Amino acid sequence: MSENFIPDIVLQDNTNQRLPCVLVLDGSGSMVGKPIEELNKGLELLSSELKEDDIACQRVQLLLIRVGGHEEVEIISDWTDAIDFVPPKLVANGTTPLGKGVNLALKKIEEQKKNYRDHQIQYNRPWLFIFTDGEPNDAGWEKCAEKAVESENDNKAVIFCIGSEGANFKKLQKFSTRSPLMLEGLQFEELFLWLSKSVSSTSKAAPDSSSQLAAIEWGSVPT
C-alpha cells in the first residue's frame, strides 16, 4: 500500500468538502462470537445509511483500523468516500493494543488533512471513534492517550470513546476530553445508526462549526 493512499484522481474528481472519520475497532479475542458478529452488522448499516444520503456519501471519508490479531494493529479499510465504502468483515483474536491503534489513527488524520490542503479541499474537523470491550494492554498506551487529548485540545480532531459493559472506562477516559459512553448490550446497529446520522449532519456544516450529534439511544455514561 502506497503512502499516498488517496489517488490524486479521487480528490480531483470529487472536490466536495470532506469529513474524515477514523474508526479504531477492537477485534481482540474477547470479541469472539456474537459481539464481533453484531459489530460487523453495524458496519454494514453504517455503509448503507451513508450511501442513502446524497451529500454525506460524497463528503464523509472513512478509514478503519482494527486492533488485535497477529498484526496487532492494521488498517482494514483505507481512506474511502462513503459512496465507495465496502464494510470489511472483522475477525476476533489477539490482544488489545489500543494505544498503537489510536496513535496510527492520529498519524493518518494529519496525513489526510495535508492531502486535502494540497488539493485545496475544505474539510470539517476529523472524527476519531474508538471502540473496545476491554482495555489497552500495549506498553506506553498512556502516552498515546495523552497525544490524543492534546490533539483534541488543539482542535485537530473530535474524539469519541465507546466501551461495552466489560470495558475499563477509567482507562478509556484518558483518550478524550469527553466522558466515554457505555454501549448497552449489543446494540451495535443502533450505535452505528447514531454515528451515520451524526456524521451526515456534521458533513453538511461549515468547516469551522461544531459537531452535530444525533440523540444517543444506545448507551449511557458509566457510573
Protein backbone atom coordinates (compact mmCIF):
# COMPACT_ATOMS: atom_id res chain seq x y z
CA MET A 1 0.00 0.00 0.00
CA SER A 2 1.47 3.34 -1.01
CA GLU A 3 1.82 6.20 1.43
CA ASN A 4 -0.24 8.44 -0.87
CA PHE A 5 -3.24 6.24 -0.24
CA ILE A 6 -5.82 8.55 -1.86
CA PRO A 7 -5.09 8.64 -5.59
CA ASP A 8 -4.98 12.21 -6.89
CA ILE A 9 -7.78 11.47 -9.31
CA VAL A 10 -10.21 10.81 -6.42
CA LEU A 11 -9.72 14.28 -4.96
CA GLN A 12 -9.66 15.87 -8.39
CA ASP A 13 -12.95 14.28 -9.43
CA ASN A 14 -14.71 14.92 -6.13
CA THR A 15 -13.78 18.34 -4.76
CA ASN A 16 -16.54 18.37 -2.16
CA GLN A 17 -15.77 19.45 1.39
CA ARG A 18 -14.82 16.36 3.40
CA LEU A 19 -15.40 14.98 6.88
CA PRO A 20 -12.64 12.45 7.62
CA CYS A 21 -13.73 9.81 10.12
CA VAL A 22 -11.43 7.15 11.58
CA LEU A 23 -12.83 4.13 13.40
CA VAL A 24 -10.47 2.29 15.76
CA LEU A 25 -12.22 -1.01 16.46
CA ASP A 26 -11.45 -3.70 18.99
CA GLY A 27 -11.05 -7.02 17.17
CA SER A 28 -9.38 -8.85 20.05
CA GLY A 29 -10.17 -12.37 21.18
CA SER A 30 -12.70 -11.23 23.77
CA MET A 31 -14.96 -10.07 20.93
CA VAL A 32 -15.35 -13.60 19.51
CA GLY A 33 -18.87 -14.83 18.77
CA LYS A 34 -21.93 -12.59 18.97
CA PRO A 35 -20.06 -9.32 19.72
CA ILE A 36 -17.95 -9.41 16.54
CA GLU A 37 -20.97 -10.55 14.51
CA GLU A 38 -23.00 -7.58 15.74
CA LEU A 39 -20.09 -5.21 15.15
CA ASN A 40 -19.91 -6.36 11.54
CA LYS A 41 -23.66 -5.85 11.14
CA GLY A 42 -23.22 -2.34 12.50
CA LEU A 43 -20.58 -1.55 9.89
CA GLU A 44 -22.91 -2.77 7.14
CA LEU A 45 -25.63 -0.46 8.46
CA LEU A 46 -23.21 2.48 8.59
CA SER A 47 -22.33 1.86 4.94
CA SER A 48 -25.92 1.63 3.74
CA GLU A 49 -27.12 4.65 5.72
CA LEU A 50 -24.36 6.94 4.46
CA LYS A 51 -24.90 5.85 0.86
CA GLU A 52 -28.56 6.84 1.12
CA ASP A 53 -27.56 10.43 1.97
CA ASP A 54 -26.74 12.22 -1.29
CA ILE A 55 -24.46 14.76 0.40
CA ALA A 56 -22.82 12.64 3.11
CA CYS A 57 -21.91 9.87 0.67
CA GLN A 58 -19.75 12.39 -1.23
CA ARG A 59 -18.30 14.17 1.79
CA VAL A 60 -17.70 11.59 4.54
CA GLN A 61 -14.43 9.68 4.21
CA LEU A 62 -13.81 6.58 6.31
CA LEU A 63 -10.67 4.80 7.47
CA LEU A 64 -10.96 1.71 9.68
CA ILE A 65 -8.26 0.39 11.99
CA ARG A 66 -8.54 -2.96 13.75
CA VAL A 67 -6.62 -3.67 16.95
CA GLY A 68 -5.90 -7.33 17.73
CA GLY A 69 -4.64 -10.34 15.82
CA HIS A 70 -1.08 -11.25 14.87
CA GLU A 71 -0.55 -7.86 13.21
CA GLU A 72 -1.70 -6.12 16.43
CA VAL A 73 -2.80 -3.01 14.52
CA GLU A 74 -3.89 -2.96 10.89
CA ILE A 75 -5.74 -0.68 8.51
CA ILE A 76 -8.60 -2.84 7.27
CA SER A 77 -10.16 -0.14 5.10
CA ASP A 78 -8.09 2.79 3.85
CA TRP A 79 -9.48 6.28 3.20
CA THR A 80 -12.63 5.84 1.14
CA ASP A 81 -15.51 8.15 0.27
CA ALA A 82 -18.69 6.77 1.85
CA ILE A 83 -20.24 6.19 -1.57
CA ASP A 84 -17.47 3.67 -2.35
CA PHE A 85 -17.11 2.18 1.14
CA VAL A 86 -17.33 -1.61 1.39
CA PRO A 87 -17.56 -2.70 5.03
CA PRO A 88 -14.86 -5.24 5.93
CA LYS A 89 -15.53 -8.38 7.95
CA LEU A 90 -13.72 -8.26 11.25
CA VAL A 91 -12.48 -11.41 12.97
CA ALA A 92 -11.80 -11.64 16.69
CA ASN A 93 -8.42 -12.74 18.01
CA GLY A 94 -5.34 -11.39 19.76
CA THR A 95 -4.92 -8.69 22.39
CA THR A 96 -5.91 -5.01 22.58
CA PRO A 97 -3.06 -2.61 21.66
CA LEU A 98 -5.41 0.35 21.75
CA GLY A 99 -2.64 2.90 22.23
CA LYS A 100 -0.94 1.82 19.00
CA GLY A 101 -4.25 1.91 17.18
CA VAL A 102 -5.04 5.44 18.30
CA ASN A 103 -1.51 6.61 17.55
CA LEU A 104 -1.83 5.29 13.99
CA ALA A 105 -5.23 6.97 13.65
CA LEU A 106 -3.83 10.36 14.67
CA LYS A 107 -0.99 9.97 12.18
CA LYS A 108 -3.37 9.10 9.34
CA ILE A 109 -5.62 12.04 10.19
CA GLU A 110 -2.76 14.52 9.91
CA GLU A 111 -1.59 12.96 6.65
CA GLN A 112 -5.05 13.22 5.17
CA LYS A 113 -5.54 16.83 6.25
CA LYS A 114 -2.34 17.70 4.41
CA ASN A 115 -3.67 15.81 1.41
CA TYR A 116 -6.83 17.94 1.47
CA ARG A 117 -4.85 21.16 1.75
CA ASP A 118 -2.60 20.12 -1.13
CA HIS A 119 -5.73 19.70 -3.27
CA GLN A 120 -7.42 22.87 -1.90
CA ILE A 121 -10.29 20.88 -0.43
CA GLN A 122 -12.07 22.20 2.65
CA TYR A 123 -12.76 19.80 5.49
CA ASN A 124 -14.56 19.52 8.80
CA ARG A 125 -12.64 18.71 11.94
CA PRO A 126 -11.83 14.97 11.75
CA TRP A 127 -13.65 12.45 13.90
CA LEU A 128 -11.85 9.68 15.76
CA PHE A 129 -14.17 6.95 17.01
CA ILE A 130 -12.69 4.42 19.47
CA PHE A 131 -14.46 1.23 20.50
CA THR A 132 -13.29 -1.50 22.89
CA ASP A 133 -14.80 -4.21 25.06
CA GLY A 134 -11.78 -4.28 27.36
CA GLU A 135 -8.77 -2.06 27.97
CA PRO A 136 -5.47 -1.11 26.31
CA ASN A 137 -2.71 -3.60 27.09
CA ASP A 138 0.17 -2.33 24.97
CA ALA A 139 3.22 -0.76 26.59
CA GLY A 140 3.16 3.03 26.51
CA TRP A 141 -0.55 3.38 25.77
CA GLU A 142 -0.74 6.24 28.29
CA LYS A 143 1.49 8.44 26.11
CA CYS A 144 -0.71 7.68 23.11
CA ALA A 145 -3.75 8.67 25.16
CA GLU A 146 -2.08 11.94 26.15
CA LYS A 147 -1.32 12.62 22.49
CA ALA A 148 -4.99 12.05 21.65
CA VAL A 149 -6.17 14.52 24.29
CA GLU A 150 -3.58 17.04 23.13
CA SER A 151 -4.86 16.66 19.59
CA GLU A 152 -8.40 17.29 20.75
CA ASN A 153 -7.40 20.31 22.84
CA ASP A 154 -5.61 21.74 19.77
CA ASN A 155 -8.85 21.30 17.74
CA LYS A 156 -7.17 18.77 15.46
CA ALA A 157 -9.79 16.08 16.00
CA VAL A 158 -13.05 15.23 17.75
CA ILE A 159 -12.68 12.01 19.75
CA PHE A 160 -15.45 9.69 20.91
CA CYS A 161 -14.71 6.71 23.17
CA ILE A 162 -17.23 3.88 23.39
CA GLY A 163 -16.96 0.77 25.51
CA SER A 164 -19.11 -2.28 26.04
CA GLU A 165 -20.14 -3.29 29.54
CA GLY A 166 -16.81 -5.06 30.17
CA ALA A 167 -14.60 -2.13 29.19
CA ASN A 168 -12.25 -0.29 31.55
CA PHE A 169 -13.83 3.16 31.39
CA LYS A 170 -11.26 4.78 33.65
CA LYS A 171 -8.56 3.98 31.10
CA LEU A 172 -10.82 4.78 28.14
CA GLN A 173 -11.46 8.21 29.64
CA LYS A 174 -7.77 9.06 29.21
CA PHE A 175 -8.11 9.10 25.38
CA SER A 176 -10.54 12.04 25.20
CA THR A 177 -11.70 15.20 26.92
CA ARG A 178 -15.24 13.79 26.65
CA SER A 179 -16.60 11.18 29.02
CA PRO A 180 -16.68 7.70 27.45
CA LEU A 181 -20.05 6.15 26.76
CA MET A 182 -21.13 2.60 27.54
CA LEU A 183 -22.83 0.54 24.86
CA GLU A 184 -25.82 -1.18 26.43
CA GLY A 185 -25.99 -4.83 25.50
CA LEU A 186 -25.03 -5.49 21.89
CA GLN A 187 -26.74 -2.50 20.31
CA PHE A 188 -24.10 -2.11 17.61
CA GLU A 189 -26.63 -1.37 14.90
CA GLU A 190 -28.16 1.40 17.00
CA LEU A 191 -24.65 2.71 17.72
CA PHE A 192 -23.69 2.87 14.04
CA LEU A 193 -27.05 4.34 13.09
CA TRP A 194 -26.26 7.16 15.54
CA LEU A 195 -22.80 7.52 14.02
CA SER A 196 -24.17 7.69 10.48
CA LYS A 197 -26.75 10.33 11.43
CA SER A 198 -24.16 12.37 13.32
CA VAL A 199 -21.51 12.38 10.60
CA SER A 200 -24.17 13.08 7.98
CA SER A 201 -25.26 16.20 9.85
CA THR A 202 -21.70 17.35 10.51
CA SER A 203 -20.65 16.81 6.90
CA LYS A 204 -23.23 19.41 5.83
CA ALA A 205 -21.97 22.02 8.29
CA ALA A 206 -19.39 24.73 7.67
CA PRO A 207 -15.76 23.59 8.17
CA ASP A 208 -15.30 25.67 11.34
CA SER A 209 -18.58 24.69 13.01
CA SER A 210 -19.00 22.28 15.90
CA SER A 211 -20.03 18.63 15.61
CA GLN A 212 -23.74 17.92 15.28
CA LEU A 213 -24.67 14.83 17.25
CA ALA A 214 -27.82 12.75 16.96
CA ALA A 215 -29.69 11.72 20.11
CA ILE A 216 -28.00 8.81 21.90
CA GLU A 217 -30.41 5.93 22.47
CA TRP A 218 -27.93 3.04 22.56
CA GLY A 219 -25.88 3.79 25.65
CA SER A 220 -25.17 5.82 28.75
CA VAL A 221 -22.39 7.43 30.76
CA PRO A 222 -20.97 4.71 33.08
CA THR A 223 -21.15 5.37 36.80
